[in-house]
């Protein structure tokens, strides 16, 4: 799922920098997921919008459009103050992030 060409382009072709960015993402994205889950648990659409937007931006660095779109769907639901489909959207996001996690873990392990 990782678009390595796009990801490398974003870091100026520096493989070691990409590996470092990947490791930082792997350490940080669980916090973003927790913020999304907390926002949903509290019915806080604005917090959902912010947390999903933050995660979307971080994922965009890797050129992984399916994950970007999944985060965007949650962001838009938060913006519209419509949390009715967010549990399904969150499950979709988590499934796609799991695949990205594997790709990034392999990339950072190659360091």
PDB file of N, CA and C in Angstrom:
ATOM      1  N   UNK A   1       0.825  -1.200   0.000  1.00  0.00           N
ATOM      2  CA  UNK A   1       0.000   0.000   0.000  1.00  0.00           C
ATOM      3  C   UNK A   1       0.863   1.256   0.000  1.00  0.00           C
ATOM      4  N   UNK A   2       2.029   1.205   0.623  1.00  0.00           N
ATOM      5  CA  UNK A   2       2.929   2.354   0.655  1.00  0.00           C
ATOM      6  C   UNK A   2       3.344   2.722  -0.763  1.00  0.00           C
ATOM      7  N   UNK A   3       3.205   3.987  -1.108  1.00  0.00           N
ATOM      8  CA  UNK A   3       3.672   4.477  -2.393  1.00  0.00           C
ATOM      9  C   UNK A   3       5.069   5.037  -2.156  1.00  0.00           C
ATOM     10  N   UNK A   4       6.055   4.157  -2.289  1.00  0.00           N
ATOM     11  CA  UNK A   4       7.419   4.535  -1.932  1.00  0.00           C
ATOM     12  C   UNK A   4       7.948   5.671  -2.797  1.00  0.00           C
ATOM     13  N   UNK A   5       7.547   5.721  -4.057  1.00  0.00           N
ATOM     14  CA  UNK A   5       8.001   6.794  -4.944  1.00  0.00           C
ATOM     15  C   UNK A   5       7.517   8.154  -4.436  1.00  0.00           C
ATOM     16  N   UNK A   6       6.259   8.238  -4.061  1.00  0.00           N
ATOM     17  CA  UNK A   6       5.711   9.492  -3.538  1.00  0.00           C
ATOM     18  C   UNK A   6       6.374   9.821  -2.204  1.00  0.00           C
ATOM     19  N   UNK A   7       6.499   8.823  -1.346  1.00  0.00           N
ATOM     20  CA  UNK A   7       7.101   9.046  -0.035  1.00  0.00           C
ATOM     21  C   UNK A   7       8.544   9.523  -0.168  1.00  0.00           C
ATOM     22  N   UNK A   8       9.301   8.914  -1.053  1.00  0.00           N
ATOM     23  CA  UNK A   8      10.686   9.339  -1.270  1.00  0.00           C
ATOM     24  C   UNK A   8      10.740  10.747  -1.838  1.00  0.00           C
ATOM     25  N   UNK A   9       9.823  11.065  -2.733  1.00  0.00           N
ATOM     26  CA  UNK A   9       9.770  12.411  -3.297  1.00  0.00           C
ATOM     27  C   UNK A   9       9.530  13.449  -2.204  1.00  0.00           C
ATOM     28  N   UNK A  10       8.687  13.123  -1.249  1.00  0.00           N
ATOM     29  CA  UNK A  10       8.356  14.060  -0.163  1.00  0.00           C
ATOM     30  C   UNK A  10       9.555  14.353   0.735  1.00  0.00           C
ATOM     31  N   UNK A  11      10.531  13.438   0.756  1.00  0.00           N
ATOM     32  CA  UNK A  11      11.724  13.645   1.590  1.00  0.00           C
ATOM     33  C   UNK A  11      12.964  13.884   0.730  1.00  0.00           C
ATOM     34  N   UNK A  12      12.745  14.331  -0.488  1.00  0.00           N
ATOM     35  CA  UNK A  12      13.851  14.677  -1.358  1.00  0.00           C
ATOM     36  C   UNK A  12      14.728  13.501  -1.758  1.00  0.00           C
ATOM     37  N   UNK A  13      14.151  12.301  -1.785  1.00  0.00           N
ATOM     38  CA  UNK A  13      14.896  11.121  -2.197  1.00  0.00           C
ATOM     39  C   UNK A  13      15.802  10.537  -1.131  1.00  0.00           C
ATOM     40  N   UNK A  14      15.717  11.054   0.080  1.00  0.00           N
ATOM     41  CA  UNK A  14      16.589  10.616   1.181  1.00  0.00           C
ATOM     42  C   UNK A  14      15.965   9.395   1.877  1.00  0.00           C
ATOM     43  N   UNK A  15      16.486   8.208   1.577  1.00  0.00           N
ATOM     44  CA  UNK A  15      15.933   6.962   2.115  1.00  0.00           C
ATOM     45  C   UNK A  15      16.021   6.930   3.634  1.00  0.00           C
ATOM     46  N   UNK A  16      17.145   7.367   4.188  1.00  0.00           N
ATOM     47  CA  UNK A  16      17.277   7.319   5.657  1.00  0.00           C
ATOM     48  C   UNK A  16      16.294   8.279   6.326  1.00  0.00           C
ATOM     49  N   UNK A  17      16.045   9.418   5.699  1.00  0.00           N
ATOM     50  CA  UNK A  17      15.046  10.339   6.254  1.00  0.00           C
ATOM     51  C   UNK A  17      13.660   9.726   6.176  1.00  0.00           C
ATOM     52  N   UNK A  18      13.352   9.056   5.074  1.00  0.00           N
ATOM     53  CA  UNK A  18      12.058   8.386   4.954  1.00  0.00           C
ATOM     54  C   UNK A  18      11.903   7.325   6.037  1.00  0.00           C
ATOM     55  N   UNK A  19      12.945   6.576   6.305  1.00  0.00           N
ATOM     56  CA  UNK A  19      12.891   5.562   7.352  1.00  0.00           C
ATOM     57  C   UNK A  19      12.649   6.205   8.716  1.00  0.00           C
ATOM     58  N   UNK A  20      13.286   7.350   8.947  1.00  0.00           N
ATOM     59  CA  UNK A  20      13.086   8.064  10.217  1.00  0.00           C
ATOM     60  C   UNK A  20      11.659   8.589  10.335  1.00  0.00           C
ATOM     61  N   UNK A  21      11.142   9.160   9.246  1.00  0.00           N
ATOM     62  CA  UNK A  21       9.764   9.668   9.239  1.00  0.00           C
ATOM     63  C   UNK A  21       8.784   8.514   9.460  1.00  0.00           C
ATOM     64  N   UNK A  22       9.063   7.381   8.840  1.00  0.00           N
ATOM     65  CA  UNK A  22       8.210   6.203   9.013  1.00  0.00           C
ATOM     66  C   UNK A  22       8.198   5.765  10.472  1.00  0.00           C
ATOM     67  N   UNK A  23       9.368   5.733  11.101  1.00  0.00           N
ATOM     68  CA  UNK A  23       9.449   5.325  12.510  1.00  0.00           C
ATOM     69  C   UNK A  23       8.687   6.305  13.405  1.00  0.00           C
ATOM     70  N   UNK A  24       8.836   7.586  13.141  1.00  0.00           N
ATOM     71  CA  UNK A  24       8.104   8.593  13.925  1.00  0.00           C
ATOM     72  C   UNK A  24       6.596   8.428  13.763  1.00  0.00           C
ATOM     73  N   UNK A  25       6.161   8.167  12.536  1.00  0.00           N
ATOM     74  CA  UNK A  25       4.733   7.950  12.295  1.00  0.00           C
ATOM     75  C   UNK A  25       4.236   6.736  13.070  1.00  0.00           C
ATOM     76  N   UNK A  26       5.010   5.646  13.028  1.00  0.00           N
ATOM     77  CA  UNK A  26       4.614   4.423  13.738  1.00  0.00           C
ATOM     78  C   UNK A  26       4.478   4.669  15.238  1.00  0.00           C
ATOM     79  N   UNK A  27       5.314   5.530  15.772  1.00  0.00           N
ATOM     80  CA  UNK A  27       5.244   5.850  17.201  1.00  0.00           C
ATOM     81  C   UNK A  27       4.083   6.780  17.524  1.00  0.00           C
ATOM     82  N   UNK A  28       3.723   7.645  16.568  1.00  0.00           N
ATOM     83  CA  UNK A  28       2.748   8.698  16.848  1.00  0.00           C
ATOM     84  C   UNK A  28       1.305   8.378  16.466  1.00  0.00           C
ATOM     85  N   UNK A  29       1.097   7.613  15.401  1.00  0.00           N
ATOM     86  CA  UNK A  29      -0.275   7.471  14.922  1.00  0.00           C
ATOM     87  C   UNK A  29      -1.222   6.813  15.923  1.00  0.00           C
ATOM     88  N   UNK A  30      -0.745   5.924  16.832  1.00  0.00           N
ATOM     89  CA  UNK A  30      -1.697   5.414  17.829  1.00  0.00           C
ATOM     90  C   UNK A  30      -2.315   6.513  18.700  1.00  0.00           C
ATOM     91  N   UNK A  31      -1.572   7.603  18.908  1.00  0.00           N
ATOM     92  CA  UNK A  31      -2.121   8.728  19.676  1.00  0.00           C
ATOM     93  C   UNK A  31      -3.246   9.410  18.893  1.00  0.00           C
ATOM     94  N   UNK A  32      -3.042   9.532  17.592  1.00  0.00           N
ATOM     95  CA  UNK A  32      -4.096  10.121  16.761  1.00  0.00           C
ATOM     96  C   UNK A  32      -5.342   9.242  16.753  1.00  0.00           C
ATOM     97  N   UNK A  33      -5.140   7.935  16.665  1.00  0.00           N
ATOM     98  CA  UNK A  33      -6.291   7.016  16.716  1.00  0.00           C
ATOM     99  C   UNK A  33      -7.013   7.127  18.050  1.00  0.00           C
ATOM    100  N   UNK A  34      -6.246   7.227  19.126  1.00  0.00           N
ATOM    101  CA  UNK A  34      -6.863   7.381  20.454  1.00  0.00           C
ATOM    102  C   UNK A  34      -7.670   8.665  20.534  1.00  0.00           C
ATOM    103  N   UNK A  35      -7.148   9.735  19.943  1.00  0.00           N
ATOM    104  CA  UNK A  35      -7.878  11.009  19.950  1.00  0.00           C
ATOM    105  C   UNK A  35      -9.174  10.891  19.157  1.00  0.00           C
ATOM    106  N   UNK A  36      -9.135  10.165  18.049  1.00  0.00           N
ATOM    107  CA  UNK A  36     -10.350   9.947  17.257  1.00  0.00           C
ATOM    108  C   UNK A  36     -11.354   9.125  18.059  1.00  0.00           C
ATOM    109  N   UNK A  37     -10.895   8.046  18.673  1.00  0.00           N
ATOM    110  CA  UNK A  37     -11.780   7.197  19.474  1.00  0.00           C
ATOM    111  C   UNK A  37     -12.377   7.965  20.651  1.00  0.00           C
ATOM    112  N   UNK A  38     -11.561   8.782  21.299  1.00  0.00           N
ATOM    113  CA  UNK A  38     -12.054   9.582  22.428  1.00  0.00           C
ATOM    114  C   UNK A  38     -13.112  10.584  21.960  1.00  0.00           C
ATOM    115  N   UNK A  39     -12.850  11.226  20.827  1.00  0.00           N
ATOM    116  CA  UNK A  39     -13.823  12.186  20.292  1.00  0.00           C
ATOM    117  C   UNK A  39     -15.146  11.502  19.998  1.00  0.00           C
ATOM    118  N   UNK A  40     -15.084  10.317  19.416  1.00  0.00           N
ATOM    119  CA  UNK A  40     -16.317   9.581  19.127  1.00  0.00           C
ATOM    120  C   UNK A  40     -17.021   9.168  20.412  1.00  0.00           C
ATOM    121  N   UNK A  41     -16.257   8.699  21.385  1.00  0.00           N
ATOM    122  CA  UNK A  41     -16.850   8.268  22.656  1.00  0.00           C
ATOM    123  C   UNK A  41     -17.552   9.416  23.365  1.00  0.00           C
ATOM    124  N   UNK A  42     -17.040  10.625  23.171  1.00  0.00           N
ATOM    125  CA  UNK A  42     -17.632  11.795  23.819  1.00  0.00           C
ATOM    126  C   UNK A  42     -18.584  12.571  22.912  1.00  0.00           C
ATOM    127  N   UNK A  43     -18.780  12.083  21.687  1.00  0.00           N
ATOM    128  CA  UNK A  43     -19.675  12.775  20.766  1.00  0.00           C
ATOM    129  C   UNK A  43     -19.171  14.149  20.375  1.00  0.00           C
ATOM    130  N   UNK A  44     -17.858  14.333  20.370  1.00  0.00           N
ATOM    131  CA  UNK A  44     -17.242  15.635  20.108  1.00  0.00           C
ATOM    132  C   UNK A  44     -16.824  15.725  18.635  1.00  0.00           C
ATOM    133  N   UNK A  45     -17.710  16.268  17.823  1.00  0.00           N
ATOM    134  CA  UNK A  45     -17.479  16.333  16.375  1.00  0.00           C
ATOM    135  C   UNK A  45     -16.276  17.206  16.029  1.00  0.00           C
ATOM    136  N   UNK A  46     -16.091  18.309  16.726  1.00  0.00           N
ATOM    137  CA  UNK A  46     -14.955  19.200  16.443  1.00  0.00           C
ATOM    138  C   UNK A  46     -13.628  18.504  16.748  1.00  0.00           C
ATOM    139  N   UNK A  47     -13.566  17.806  17.866  1.00  0.00           N
ATOM    140  CA  UNK A  47     -12.339  17.079  18.218  1.00  0.00           C
ATOM    141  C   UNK A  47     -12.085  15.965  17.204  1.00  0.00           C
ATOM    142  N   UNK A  48     -13.136  15.319  16.733  1.00  0.00           N
ATOM    143  CA  UNK A  48     -13.004  14.294  15.704  1.00  0.00           C
ATOM    144  C   UNK A  48     -12.434  14.907  14.435  1.00  0.00           C
ATOM    145  N   UNK A  49     -12.987  16.028  14.029  1.00  0.00           N
ATOM    146  CA  UNK A  49     -12.508  16.696  12.820  1.00  0.00           C
ATOM    147  C   UNK A  49     -11.017  17.014  12.927  1.00  0.00           C
ATOM    148  N   UNK A  50     -10.591  17.577  14.059  1.00  0.00           N
ATOM    149  CA  UNK A  50      -9.185  17.950  14.255  1.00  0.00           C
ATOM    150  C   UNK A  50      -8.272  16.729  14.257  1.00  0.00           C
ATOM    151  N   UNK A  51      -8.660  15.700  15.003  1.00  0.00           N
ATOM    152  CA  UNK A  51      -7.812  14.510  15.113  1.00  0.00           C
ATOM    153  C   UNK A  51      -7.693  13.790  13.772  1.00  0.00           C
ATOM    154  N   UNK A  52      -8.783  13.673  13.047  1.00  0.00           N
ATOM    155  CA  UNK A  52      -8.758  13.010  11.745  1.00  0.00           C
ATOM    156  C   UNK A  52      -7.949  13.832  10.739  1.00  0.00           C
ATOM    157  N   UNK A  53      -8.059  15.144  10.811  1.00  0.00           N
ATOM    158  CA  UNK A  53      -7.295  16.030   9.932  1.00  0.00           C
ATOM    159  C   UNK A  53      -5.795  15.865  10.184  1.00  0.00           C
ATOM    160  N   UNK A  54      -5.414  15.799  11.439  1.00  0.00           N
ATOM    161  CA  UNK A  54      -4.007  15.626  11.805  1.00  0.00           C
ATOM    162  C   UNK A  54      -3.470  14.307  11.269  1.00  0.00           C
ATOM    163  N   UNK A  55      -4.235  13.248  11.464  1.00  0.00           N
ATOM    164  CA  UNK A  55      -3.812  11.938  10.977  1.00  0.00           C
ATOM    165  C   UNK A  55      -3.739  11.924   9.455  1.00  0.00           C
ATOM    166  N   UNK A  56      -4.708  12.539   8.811  1.00  0.00           N
ATOM    167  CA  UNK A  56      -4.727  12.605   7.346  1.00  0.00           C
ATOM    168  C   UNK A  56      -3.451  13.266   6.825  1.00  0.00           C
ATOM    169  N   UNK A  57      -3.052  14.352   7.447  1.00  0.00           N
ATOM    170  CA  UNK A  57      -1.842  15.049   7.026  1.00  0.00           C
ATOM    171  C   UNK A  57      -0.598  14.200   7.191  1.00  0.00           C
ATOM    172  N   UNK A  58      -0.525  13.472   8.282  1.00  0.00           N
ATOM    173  CA  UNK A  58       0.636  12.613   8.532  1.00  0.00           C
ATOM    174  C   UNK A  58       0.695  11.478   7.514  1.00  0.00           C
ATOM    175  N   UNK A  59      -0.442  10.887   7.198  1.00  0.00           N
ATOM    176  CA  UNK A  59      -0.501   9.776   6.254  1.00  0.00           C
ATOM    177  C   UNK A  59      -0.175  10.247   4.839  1.00  0.00           C
ATOM    178  N   UNK A  60      -0.557  11.468   4.509  1.00  0.00           N
ATOM    179  CA  UNK A  60      -0.321  11.989   3.164  1.00  0.00           C
ATOM    180  C   UNK A  60       1.157  11.990   2.804  1.00  0.00           C
ATOM    181  N   UNK A  61       2.024  12.068   3.798  1.00  0.00           N
ATOM    182  CA  UNK A  61       3.466  12.029   3.540  1.00  0.00           C
ATOM    183  C   UNK A  61       3.911  10.741   2.860  1.00  0.00           C
ATOM    184  N   UNK A  62       3.109   9.700   2.986  1.00  0.00           N
ATOM    185  CA  UNK A  62       3.483   8.400   2.446  1.00  0.00           C
ATOM    186  C   UNK A  62       2.760   8.069   1.137  1.00  0.00           C
ATOM    187  N   UNK A  63       1.952   8.989   0.641  1.00  0.00           N
ATOM    188  CA  UNK A  63       1.278   8.772  -0.634  1.00  0.00           C
ATOM    189  C   UNK A  63       0.312   7.607  -0.642  1.00  0.00           C
ATOM    190  N   UNK A  64      -0.345   7.398   0.489  1.00  0.00           N
ATOM    191  CA  UNK A  64      -1.251   6.260   0.629  1.00  0.00           C
ATOM    192  C   UNK A  64      -2.693   6.780   0.578  1.00  0.00           C
ATOM    193  N   UNK A  65      -3.172   6.936  -0.641  1.00  0.00           N
ATOM    194  CA  UNK A  65      -4.473   7.569  -0.859  1.00  0.00           C
ATOM    195  C   UNK A  65      -5.635   6.864  -0.158  1.00  0.00           C
ATOM    196  N   UNK A  66      -5.706   5.532  -0.107  1.00  0.00           N
ATOM    197  CA  UNK A  66      -6.831   4.908   0.598  1.00  0.00           C
ATOM    198  C   UNK A  66      -6.904   5.291   2.080  1.00  0.00           C
ATOM    199  N   UNK A  67      -5.749   5.440   2.717  1.00  0.00           N
ATOM    200  CA  UNK A  67      -5.743   5.821   4.135  1.00  0.00           C
ATOM    201  C   UNK A  67      -6.085   7.298   4.272  1.00  0.00           C
ATOM    202  N   UNK A  68      -5.566   8.107   3.369  1.00  0.00           N
ATOM    203  CA  UNK A  68      -5.904   9.534   3.372  1.00  0.00           C
ATOM    204  C   UNK A  68      -7.419   9.700   3.241  1.00  0.00           C
ATOM    205  N   UNK A  69      -8.023   8.963   2.309  1.00  0.00           N
ATOM    206  CA  UNK A  69      -9.470   9.067   2.087  1.00  0.00           C
ATOM    207  C   UNK A  69     -10.270   8.587   3.303  1.00  0.00           C
ATOM    208  N   UNK A  70      -9.778   7.545   3.967  1.00  0.00           N
ATOM    209  CA  UNK A  70     -10.472   7.042   5.163  1.00  0.00           C
ATOM    210  C   UNK A  70     -10.431   8.079   6.287  1.00  0.00           C
ATOM    211  N   UNK A  71      -9.290   8.733   6.457  1.00  0.00           N
ATOM    212  CA  UNK A  71      -9.185   9.789   7.468  1.00  0.00           C
ATOM    213  C   UNK A  71     -10.036  10.995   7.077  1.00  0.00           C
ATOM    214  N   UNK A  72     -10.043  11.307   5.783  1.00  0.00           N
ATOM    215  CA  UNK A  72     -10.850  12.426   5.300  1.00  0.00           C
ATOM    216  C   UNK A  72     -12.333  12.190   5.559  1.00  0.00           C
ATOM    217  N   UNK A  73     -12.788  10.958   5.394  1.00  0.00           N
ATOM    218  CA  UNK A  73     -14.203  10.651   5.643  1.00  0.00           C
ATOM    219  C   UNK A  73     -14.573  10.974   7.093  1.00  0.00           C
ATOM    220  N   UNK A  74     -13.686  10.609   8.022  1.00  0.00           N
ATOM    221  CA  UNK A  74     -13.945  10.937   9.434  1.00  0.00           C
ATOM    222  C   UNK A  74     -13.887  12.443   9.667  1.00  0.00           C
ATOM    223  N   UNK A  75     -12.915  13.092   9.046  1.00  0.00           N
ATOM    224  CA  UNK A  75     -12.803  14.548   9.177  1.00  0.00           C
ATOM    225  C   UNK A  75     -14.088  15.234   8.699  1.00  0.00           C
ATOM    226  N   UNK A  76     -14.583  14.797   7.549  1.00  0.00           N
ATOM    227  CA  UNK A  76     -15.799  15.402   6.985  1.00  0.00           C
ATOM    228  C   UNK A  76     -17.019  15.116   7.855  1.00  0.00           C
ATOM    229  N   UNK A  77     -17.090  13.937   8.427  1.00  0.00           N
ATOM    230  CA  UNK A  77     -18.199  13.622   9.340  1.00  0.00           C
ATOM    231  C   UNK A  77     -18.163  14.537  10.551  1.00  0.00           C
ATOM    232  N   UNK A  78     -16.973  14.758  11.077  1.00  0.00           N
ATOM    233  CA  UNK A  78     -16.837  15.681  12.201  1.00  0.00           C
ATOM    234  C   UNK A  78     -17.238  17.088  11.817  1.00  0.00           C
ATOM    235  N   UNK A  79     -16.786  17.531  10.650  1.00  0.00           N
ATOM    236  CA  UNK A  79     -17.112  18.878  10.191  1.00  0.00           C
ATOM    237  C   UNK A  79     -18.612  19.047  10.016  1.00  0.00           C
ATOM    238  N   UNK A  80     -19.285  17.981   9.535  1.00  0.00           N
ATOM    239  CA  UNK A  80     -20.733  18.034   9.316  1.00  0.00           C
ATOM    240  C   UNK A  80     -21.523  17.765  10.591  1.00  0.00           C
ATOM    241  N   UNK A  81     -20.810  17.466  11.681  1.00  0.00           N
ATOM    242  CA  UNK A  81     -21.433  17.133  12.956  1.00  0.00           C
ATOM    243  C   UNK A  81     -22.382  15.937  12.797  1.00  0.00           C
ATOM    244  N   UNK A  82     -21.955  14.972  11.985  1.00  0.00           N
ATOM    245  CA  UNK A  82     -22.732  13.762  11.735  1.00  0.00           C
ATOM    246  C   UNK A  82     -21.868  12.554  12.101  1.00  0.00           C
ATOM    247  N   UNK A  83     -22.086  12.036  13.281  1.00  0.00           N
ATOM    248  CA  UNK A  83     -21.268  10.931  13.772  1.00  0.00           C
ATOM    249  C   UNK A  83     -21.935   9.574  13.530  1.00  0.00           C
ATOM    250  N   UNK A  84     -23.005   9.546  12.758  1.00  0.00           N
ATOM    251  CA  UNK A  84     -23.809   8.332  12.603  1.00  0.00           C
ATOM    252  C   UNK A  84     -23.065   7.180  11.926  1.00  0.00           C
ATOM    253  N   UNK A  85     -22.137   7.469  11.044  1.00  0.00           N
ATOM    254  CA  UNK A  85     -21.415   6.400  10.342  1.00  0.00           C
ATOM    255  C   UNK A  85     -19.960   6.292  10.780  1.00  0.00           C
ATOM    256  N   UNK A  86     -19.604   7.003  11.802  1.00  0.00           N
ATOM    257  CA  UNK A  86     -18.191   7.089  12.182  1.00  0.00           C
ATOM    258  C   UNK A  86     -17.599   5.779  12.693  1.00  0.00           C
ATOM    259  N   UNK A  87     -18.393   4.939  13.313  1.00  0.00           N
ATOM    260  CA  UNK A  87     -17.842   3.661  13.781  1.00  0.00           C
ATOM    261  C   UNK A  87     -17.394   2.809  12.600  1.00  0.00           C
ATOM    262  N   UNK A  88     -18.190   2.792  11.541  1.00  0.00           N
ATOM    263  CA  UNK A  88     -17.805   2.065  10.328  1.00  0.00           C
ATOM    264  C   UNK A  88     -16.597   2.715   9.662  1.00  0.00           C
ATOM    265  N   UNK A  89     -16.588   4.029   9.622  1.00  0.00           N
ATOM    266  CA  UNK A  89     -15.453   4.749   9.037  1.00  0.00           C
ATOM    267  C   UNK A  89     -14.175   4.482   9.824  1.00  0.00           C
ATOM    268  N   UNK A  90     -14.305   4.438  11.140  1.00  0.00           N
ATOM    269  CA  UNK A  90     -13.139   4.174  11.985  1.00  0.00           C
ATOM    270  C   UNK A  90     -12.617   2.757  11.758  1.00  0.00           C
ATOM    271  N   UNK A  91     -13.514   1.795  11.627  1.00  0.00           N
ATOM    272  CA  UNK A  91     -13.093   0.417  11.364  1.00  0.00           C
ATOM    273  C   UNK A  91     -12.345   0.340  10.025  1.00  0.00           C
ATOM    274  N   UNK A  92     -12.835   1.052   9.029  1.00  0.00           N
ATOM    275  CA  UNK A  92     -12.175   1.094   7.727  1.00  0.00           C
ATOM    276  C   UNK A  92     -10.785   1.714   7.848  1.00  0.00           C
ATOM    277  N   UNK A  93     -10.698   2.822   8.563  1.00  0.00           N
ATOM    278  CA  UNK A  93      -9.416   3.488   8.769  1.00  0.00           C
ATOM    279  C   UNK A  93      -8.425   2.566   9.475  1.00  0.00           C
ATOM    280  N   UNK A  94      -8.875   1.894  10.521  1.00  0.00           N
ATOM    281  CA  UNK A  94      -7.993   0.998  11.268  1.00  0.00           C
ATOM    282  C   UNK A  94      -7.479  -0.145  10.394  1.00  0.00           C
ATOM    283  N   UNK A  95      -8.342  -0.697   9.566  1.00  0.00           N
ATOM    284  CA  UNK A  95      -7.925  -1.795   8.682  1.00  0.00           C
ATOM    285  C   UNK A  95      -6.860  -1.317   7.697  1.00  0.00           C
ATOM    286  N   UNK A  96      -7.057  -0.148   7.157  1.00  0.00           N
ATOM    287  CA  UNK A  96      -6.088   0.384   6.194  1.00  0.00           C
ATOM    288  C   UNK A  96      -4.790   0.791   6.883  1.00  0.00           C
ATOM    289  N   UNK A  97      -4.895   1.320   8.090  1.00  0.00           N
ATOM    290  CA  UNK A  97      -3.697   1.674   8.844  1.00  0.00           C
ATOM    291  C   UNK A  97      -2.883   0.434   9.219  1.00  0.00           C
ATOM    292  N   UNK A  98      -3.552  -0.670   9.464  1.00  0.00           N
ATOM    293  CA  UNK A  98      -2.844  -1.909   9.813  1.00  0.00           C
ATOM    294  C   UNK A  98      -1.941  -2.349   8.663  1.00  0.00           C
ATOM    295  N   UNK A  99      -2.432  -2.209   7.447  1.00  0.00           N
ATOM    296  CA  UNK A  99      -1.620  -2.559   6.277  1.00  0.00           C
ATOM    297  C   UNK A  99      -0.455  -1.579   6.137  1.00  0.00           C
ATOM    298  N   UNK A 100      -0.741  -0.298   6.286  1.00  0.00           N
ATOM    299  CA  UNK A 100       0.318   0.705   6.209  1.00  0.00           C
ATOM    300  C   UNK A 100       1.350   0.475   7.296  1.00  0.00           C
ATOM    301  N   UNK A 101       0.889   0.121   8.479  1.00  0.00           N
ATOM    302  CA  UNK A 101       1.799  -0.142   9.598  1.00  0.00           C
ATOM    303  C   UNK A 101       2.817  -1.219   9.199  1.00  0.00           C
ATOM    304  N   UNK A 102       2.341  -2.281   8.607  1.00  0.00           N
ATOM    305  CA  UNK A 102       3.238  -3.371   8.180  1.00  0.00           C
ATOM    306  C   UNK A 102       4.265  -2.864   7.173  1.00  0.00           C
ATOM    307  N   UNK A 103       3.810  -2.098   6.206  1.00  0.00           N
ATOM    308  CA  UNK A 103       4.713  -1.565   5.186  1.00  0.00           C
ATOM    309  C   UNK A 103       5.774  -0.656   5.802  1.00  0.00           C
ATOM    310  N   UNK A 104       5.335   0.228   6.710  1.00  0.00           N
ATOM    311  CA  UNK A 104       6.272   1.172   7.321  1.00  0.00           C
ATOM    312  C   UNK A 104       7.209   0.471   8.294  1.00  0.00           C
ATOM    313  N   UNK A 105       6.721  -0.536   8.993  1.00  0.00           N
ATOM    314  CA  UNK A 105       7.583  -1.295   9.906  1.00  0.00           C
ATOM    315  C   UNK A 105       8.680  -1.996   9.114  1.00  0.00           C
ATOM    316  N   UNK A 106       8.331  -2.551   7.958  1.00  0.00           N
ATOM    317  CA  UNK A 106       9.331  -3.201   7.106  1.00  0.00           C
ATOM    318  C   UNK A 106      10.342  -2.183   6.595  1.00  0.00           C
ATOM    319  N   UNK A 107       9.861  -1.011   6.227  1.00  0.00           N
ATOM    320  CA  UNK A 107      10.735   0.038   5.736  1.00  0.00           C
ATOM    321  C   UNK A 107      11.700   0.520   6.824  1.00  0.00           C
ATOM    322  N   UNK A 108      11.169   0.773   8.014  1.00  0.00           N
ATOM    323  CA  UNK A 108      12.031   1.270   9.086  1.00  0.00           C
ATOM    324  C   UNK A 108      12.963   0.181   9.611  1.00  0.00           C
ATOM    325  N   UNK A 109      12.578  -1.082   9.490  1.00  0.00           N
ATOM    326  CA  UNK A 109      13.451  -2.183   9.914  1.00  0.00           C
ATOM    327  C   UNK A 109      14.639  -2.349   8.975  1.00  0.00           C
ATOM    328  N   UNK A 110      14.475  -1.852   7.750  1.00  0.00           N
ATOM    329  CA  UNK A 110      15.562  -1.964   6.776  1.00  0.00           C
ATOM    330  C   UNK A 110      16.671  -0.949   7.041  1.00  0.00           C
ATOM    331  N   UNK A 111      16.473  -0.105   8.034  1.00  0.00           N
ATOM    332  CA  UNK A 111      17.461   0.938   8.335  1.00  0.00           C
ATOM    333  C   UNK A 111      18.760   0.364   8.873  1.00  0.00           C
TER     334      UNK A 111
END
